[in-house]
Amino acid sequence: MEFNKYLDTSPEVAKALAENKPVVALESTIISHGMPYPQNVETALRVEQVIRENGAVPATIAIIGGRLKAGLSKEEIEYLGKTGYDVPKVSRRDLPVIVAKGMDGATTVATTMIIASLAGIKIFATGGVGGVHRGAETTMDISADLEELAMTPVMVICAGAKSILDLGLTLEYLETKGVPVIGYGTKELPAFYTRKSGFSVDYELDTPQELAEAFHVKQEVGLRGGMLVANPIPEKYSMEPDIINKAIDEAIEESRRQGIHGKDTTPFLLAKVKEITGGDSLDSNIQLVLNNAELAAKTAAELCRLG
C-alpha cells in the first residue's frame, strides 16, 4: 500500500508480525492527554509489560515528526508523556495535515485503529472508546471512533464507553453501523469506571478463544469494520455508580458553563471528574487499562493460532 511509505514499524513489532506472533496495539492519547505526568509514562510502560507477560508484543502507536509509528521506544513514550497537551490530539480528520507538516501527534482510538491496520495489527487495547455525547441530538457531537469501528478491521478491547457519553445512543449508532458489541463475561455494557450501565451488549463471550474465533469469522466472510469488546473493570477497582455519575453530571454542567466543546470535551470532563473524586477515577482508569491489555494479549495469541 502506497500509504505505508509514511509508516515506521519498530523492528520488534515487524519481526513479530512476520512470524505470526501476537501483537497488541496501544494508543497514545492516553499518554499525552489522558493522565498527568509521570503517571502517564509509568502506566504506558506497565501496560506494555503486562502485554509481554501474557505472551504478546506491545505496539504503542503515535505520530512523531510526521511519521506514523507502530511501536515506540521508551524515550518516545517519555517524550509524549512530558510534552503532554502540547502534543496535538489526532483523529482521522487531522492525520493528513499532521503528517504533511511533519508534526507530532497523539493518536485517538480512531487513528490508532488506522495505523494498526496499516501495520497489520488486528488487536488493540485501550481504556474506553468515544461515542455519542449527551445532547448529540442537537450538537451532532459523535466521536469519530464509532465511524472507524464501522470501517477498519481491528478488534478494540475496552472497558466500555465512558459514562460521560449517552450510552444508549452509542449502542444504537454501533448497531446501525453493523459493529458487534461483545461483553466479556457480561451481558451488560460496562461504563468505564463501573461494571454496570443498565444497557445490554449484543453478545456475551467468556474466553479469549471465543473472542478470537468471532473476529476471525468476521474477517473470513469479508465483513468490513471492527469489533468492540467491552471488558468490565475488575470488581475491586470499580467505583460506585452513584458517586461517579454525580461527578460526571457536575463535570458536564461545568463544561457547558465554560463553553467547552468538540475534541476538548473529553479531556476536560475526565480532568474534572478526577478532581471531584479526589483522584479515585485516575486509579480506576489505570487498573482498567491494565486489565484490557491482559485480555488483548491473550486474544491476540488465540487469533494467531487461527492463522
Foldseek 3Di string as FASTA:
>chain_A
DVVCVQEDEDPVRLVCVVVLFFEAEEFFCCQQQVDAPPVSLVLVVLLQVLLVVLRYGYFYWWAAQLGTGGRDDSVVSVVSNVCHPVAAADAPVRNVVCNVVRHIYTYALRVSLVNCVVSPHAEYEYEAHFAAAPVCVPVVDGDCNLVSQLAGRHEYEYQAHAPNGDRVVRQVSNVVSVAAEEEAQDQARGHRLAGHDPHGGPYYDHALLVVLVVSVVCVVVPRGGYYYYNYHQPPVLRDDPVLLVVQSVVQVVVCVVVVDDDPRNVSSSSVSSCVSVVNSSVVSSSRRSSVRSNSRSRNSNSNSVVD
